[in-house]
Amino acid sequence: MMRAAVAAAALALTLPAATAHAAEERAVPQVLPIAVAVTALPLAVEDRTGYQRTSFRHWNTGANPSDGCNTRMEVLIAEAVEAPEVGPGCTLSGGLWWSYYDEREVTPAGALDIDHMVPLAEAWDSGASSWTAQRREAYANDQGQLASLVAVTARSNRQKADQDPAEWLPPSADALCRYGAEWTATKLRWGLAVDELEQDRLLDIAAGCGGTDVEFTPAP
């Protein structure tokens, strides 16, 4: 059963380009136990040659270009524990957020960063270097999966920087299973690889997170 689940996940990640549109039309969320999900990630040596942050255009006009809010603002509005007031030009006032990395309540909105669950540099290392500019922009502004972008304290985001789980994990022990699952879900969604140290750390996390599932939908 486990091998069948891994094979199904691997197949979803290797669809030929000719069937990409059809895959988009029928894409549905996939759910795997965390250990199976980690095993489904392709293994590869990472390479940062040629990386520039500007290769990933963000923040763009967001999921709803007519609302006057860019991706950052849309994520803040969506993730607020207490909704902020949205003023002209998508200015936000009030509101309350929960930064799960370090278990802190945060206000105002300006005190938050929007973290790419898998940082842009890490995505480049793991396969995005071969993408088109349009696909990298889609990745950098992805609101199609909740795990892709997350509002957290600026301090925790900057401590994380572009590190993978072998190098950095959230300071809150209670965040570990969720973080491991969301990192894995993001890489599966976008068909990104892991290196050996990263895979080992994710498997270590999975070993302590029995009962945790990874839910992802392959990106268009």
Protein backbone atom coordinates (compact mmCIF):
# COMPACT_ATOMS: atom_id res chain seq x y z
CA MET A 1 0.00 0.00 0.00
CA MET A 2 2.79 2.45 0.89
CA ARG A 3 4.66 1.73 -2.35
CA ALA A 4 1.48 2.30 -4.34
CA ALA A 5 0.91 5.67 -2.66
CA VAL A 6 4.50 6.72 -3.34
CA ALA A 7 4.23 5.65 -6.98
CA ALA A 8 1.00 7.61 -7.41
CA ALA A 9 2.57 10.72 -5.95
CA ALA A 10 5.67 10.34 -8.13
CA LEU A 11 3.50 9.94 -11.24
CA ALA A 12 1.65 13.16 -10.47
CA LEU A 13 4.97 14.98 -10.28
CA THR A 14 6.26 13.75 -13.64
CA LEU A 15 3.34 14.40 -15.98
CA PRO A 16 4.60 15.38 -19.45
CA ALA A 17 4.10 18.95 -20.59
CA ALA A 18 1.56 17.90 -23.22
CA THR A 19 -0.83 16.79 -20.49
CA ALA A 20 -0.26 19.74 -18.16
CA HIS A 21 -3.47 21.54 -19.10
CA ALA A 22 -5.54 18.39 -18.66
CA ALA A 23 -3.88 17.82 -15.29
CA GLU A 24 -4.84 21.35 -14.25
CA GLU A 25 -8.46 20.67 -15.14
CA ARG A 26 -8.69 17.54 -13.02
CA ALA A 27 -6.22 18.42 -10.25
CA VAL A 28 -7.58 17.43 -6.87
CA PRO A 29 -5.97 17.54 -3.44
CA GLN A 30 -3.85 14.52 -2.62
CA VAL A 31 -3.34 13.34 0.94
CA LEU A 32 -0.41 11.21 2.07
CA PRO A 33 0.97 10.26 5.50
CA ILE A 34 3.93 12.51 6.15
CA ALA A 35 6.57 9.76 5.92
CA VAL A 36 5.16 8.58 2.58
CA ALA A 37 5.01 12.17 1.32
CA VAL A 38 8.65 12.82 2.18
CA THR A 39 9.67 9.61 0.40
CA ALA A 40 7.77 10.78 -2.70
CA LEU A 41 9.99 13.86 -3.04
CA PRO A 42 12.62 13.50 -5.79
CA LEU A 43 16.20 13.44 -4.53
CA ALA A 44 18.77 15.68 -6.25
CA VAL A 45 21.89 17.74 -5.61
CA GLU A 46 21.03 21.41 -5.20
CA ASP A 47 22.63 24.10 -7.33
CA ARG A 48 22.28 27.85 -6.74
CA THR A 49 24.21 28.91 -9.83
CA GLY A 50 22.62 31.99 -11.41
CA TYR A 51 20.10 32.68 -8.64
CA GLN A 52 18.76 36.21 -8.24
CA ARG A 53 15.80 37.11 -6.08
CA THR A 54 14.50 39.25 -8.93
CA SER A 55 14.03 36.06 -10.96
CA PHE A 56 10.81 35.59 -8.95
CA ARG A 57 8.48 38.57 -9.49
CA HIS A 58 6.52 39.37 -6.32
CA TRP A 59 4.29 40.77 -5.02
CA ASN A 60 1.99 40.97 -8.02
CA THR A 61 -1.68 42.00 -8.21
CA GLY A 62 -2.72 38.89 -6.32
CA ALA A 63 -5.44 36.32 -6.78
CA ASN A 64 -8.06 39.03 -7.33
CA PRO A 65 -6.55 41.85 -9.44
CA SER A 66 -9.71 43.95 -9.03
CA ASP A 67 -9.50 44.25 -5.23
CA GLY A 68 -6.62 46.75 -5.22
CA CYS A 69 -4.52 44.49 -2.97
CA ASN A 70 -1.27 42.81 -3.91
CA THR A 71 -0.41 39.24 -2.91
CA ARG A 72 1.12 40.27 0.41
CA MET A 73 -2.00 42.16 1.45
CA GLU A 74 -4.34 39.40 0.31
CA VAL A 75 -2.43 36.85 2.40
CA LEU A 76 -2.56 39.14 5.43
CA ILE A 77 -6.31 39.57 5.06
CA ALA A 78 -6.86 35.83 4.56
CA GLU A 79 -4.75 34.78 7.55
CA ALA A 80 -5.93 37.36 10.08
CA VAL A 81 -7.29 35.94 13.33
CA GLU A 82 -9.17 39.20 13.81
CA ALA A 83 -9.92 40.90 10.49
CA PRO A 84 -8.28 44.27 9.83
CA GLU A 85 -10.10 47.20 8.33
CA VAL A 86 -9.25 47.58 4.66
CA GLY A 87 -8.96 51.17 3.53
CA PRO A 88 -8.24 52.94 0.25
CA GLY A 89 -5.27 51.51 -1.60
CA CYS A 90 -5.61 48.33 0.50
CA THR A 91 -4.17 49.98 3.59
CA LEU A 92 -4.78 47.77 6.63
CA SER A 93 -5.53 49.03 10.12
CA GLY A 94 -6.16 46.99 13.23
CA GLY A 95 -6.38 43.23 12.96
CA LEU A 96 -4.56 40.44 14.76
CA TRP A 97 -2.41 37.58 13.47
CA TRP A 98 -0.91 34.39 14.92
CA SER A 99 2.67 33.60 13.97
CA TYR A 100 2.84 29.84 14.42
CA TYR A 101 6.61 29.59 13.98
CA ASP A 102 7.18 31.26 17.34
CA GLU A 103 3.66 31.21 18.84
CA ARG A 104 3.18 34.96 18.99
CA GLU A 105 0.19 37.21 18.49
CA VAL A 106 1.11 40.02 16.14
CA THR A 107 -0.31 43.43 15.38
CA PRO A 108 -0.19 45.65 13.35
CA ALA A 109 0.11 44.17 9.87
CA GLY A 110 3.38 45.98 9.27
CA ALA A 111 5.06 43.82 11.93
CA LEU A 112 4.57 40.70 9.81
CA ASP A 113 6.49 39.20 6.94
CA ILE A 114 4.93 36.90 4.36
CA ASP A 115 7.20 33.88 4.28
CA HIS A 116 7.58 31.67 1.24
CA MET A 117 7.33 28.29 2.94
CA VAL A 118 10.04 27.03 0.59
CA PRO A 119 12.21 30.14 0.13
CA LEU A 120 12.80 31.47 -3.35
CA ALA A 121 16.50 30.59 -3.31
CA GLU A 122 15.72 27.07 -2.11
CA ALA A 123 13.12 26.69 -4.85
CA TRP A 124 15.72 27.77 -7.40
CA ASP A 125 18.18 25.19 -6.06
CA SER A 126 15.53 22.49 -6.18
CA GLY A 127 14.28 22.84 -9.73
CA ALA A 128 12.89 26.33 -10.33
CA SER A 129 16.04 27.43 -12.15
CA SER A 130 14.68 25.62 -15.22
CA TRP A 131 11.23 27.24 -15.06
CA THR A 132 9.92 30.09 -17.17
CA ALA A 133 9.71 33.55 -15.65
CA GLN A 134 5.91 33.20 -15.62
CA ARG A 135 6.04 29.99 -13.61
CA ARG A 136 8.47 31.49 -11.10
CA GLU A 137 6.09 34.44 -10.70
CA ALA A 138 3.21 32.02 -10.12
CA TYR A 139 5.27 30.26 -7.48
CA ALA A 140 6.27 33.47 -5.71
CA ASN A 141 2.62 34.58 -5.47
CA ASP A 142 0.98 31.18 -4.92
CA GLN A 143 -2.31 31.40 -3.05
CA GLY A 144 -3.64 28.16 -4.48
CA GLN A 145 -2.41 26.22 -1.47
CA LEU A 146 -2.55 27.60 2.05
CA ALA A 147 0.86 26.22 2.99
CA SER A 148 2.72 28.12 0.25
CA LEU A 149 2.69 31.57 1.87
CA VAL A 150 2.40 32.21 5.60
CA ALA A 151 2.23 35.38 7.70
CA VAL A 152 4.82 35.23 10.51
CA THR A 153 6.86 37.58 12.67
CA ALA A 154 9.53 39.45 10.78
CA ARG A 155 12.09 38.13 13.25
CA SER A 156 11.33 34.46 12.64
CA ASN A 157 11.20 34.93 8.88
CA ARG A 158 14.57 36.64 8.82
CA GLN A 159 16.12 34.02 11.08
CA LYS A 160 14.91 31.38 8.64
CA ALA A 161 16.16 33.33 5.60
CA ASP A 162 16.73 30.85 2.74
CA GLN A 163 17.50 27.82 4.89
CA ASP A 164 15.91 24.39 4.51
CA PRO A 165 14.79 22.17 7.44
CA ALA A 166 18.28 20.66 7.77
CA GLU A 167 19.49 24.16 8.65
CA TRP A 168 16.55 25.85 10.39
CA LEU A 169 13.32 24.86 12.09
CA PRO A 170 10.70 26.97 13.89
CA PRO A 171 11.65 27.72 17.51
CA SER A 172 8.28 26.44 18.75
CA ALA A 173 8.35 22.66 19.25
CA ASP A 174 4.59 22.57 18.71
CA ALA A 175 5.13 23.95 15.18
CA LEU A 176 7.42 21.14 14.04
CA CYS A 177 4.90 18.68 12.58
CA ARG A 178 2.92 21.39 10.82
CA TYR A 179 6.08 22.95 9.41
CA GLY A 180 7.45 19.63 8.15
CA ALA A 181 4.11 18.82 6.52
CA GLU A 182 3.75 22.25 4.91
CA TRP A 183 7.33 22.27 3.60
CA THR A 184 6.78 18.83 2.08
CA ALA A 185 3.39 19.84 0.65
CA THR A 186 4.90 22.88 -1.05
CA LYS A 187 7.70 20.87 -2.65
CA LEU A 188 5.25 18.22 -3.83
CA ARG A 189 2.88 20.85 -5.22
CA TRP A 190 5.62 22.35 -7.36
CA GLY A 191 7.61 19.21 -8.15
CA LEU A 192 10.70 20.44 -6.30
CA ALA A 193 13.50 18.12 -5.18
CA VAL A 194 15.23 17.65 -1.84
CA ASP A 195 18.88 17.01 -1.11
CA GLU A 196 20.06 14.21 1.18
CA LEU A 197 20.44 16.25 4.38
CA GLU A 198 17.04 17.87 3.86
CA GLN A 199 15.41 14.49 3.23
CA ASP A 200 17.02 13.02 6.34
CA ARG A 201 15.76 15.88 8.50
CA LEU A 202 12.25 15.63 7.06
CA LEU A 203 12.22 11.88 7.75
CA ASP A 204 13.35 12.58 11.33
CA ILE A 205 10.46 15.01 11.71
CA ALA A 206 8.05 12.51 10.18
CA ALA A 207 9.16 9.83 12.65
CA GLY A 208 7.94 12.00 15.50
CA CYS A 209 4.75 13.12 13.77
CA GLY A 210 2.75 9.93 13.36
CA GLY A 211 -0.80 10.68 12.30
CA THR A 212 0.21 13.85 10.45
CA ASP A 213 -0.95 14.02 6.84
CA VAL A 214 0.43 16.07 3.98
CA GLU A 215 -2.20 17.54 1.67
CA PHE A 216 -1.21 19.08 -1.64
CA THR A 217 -2.59 19.85 -5.06
CA PRO A 218 -0.15 19.73 -8.00
CA ALA A 219 0.36 23.25 -9.34
CA PRO A 220 -1.00 24.12 -12.79
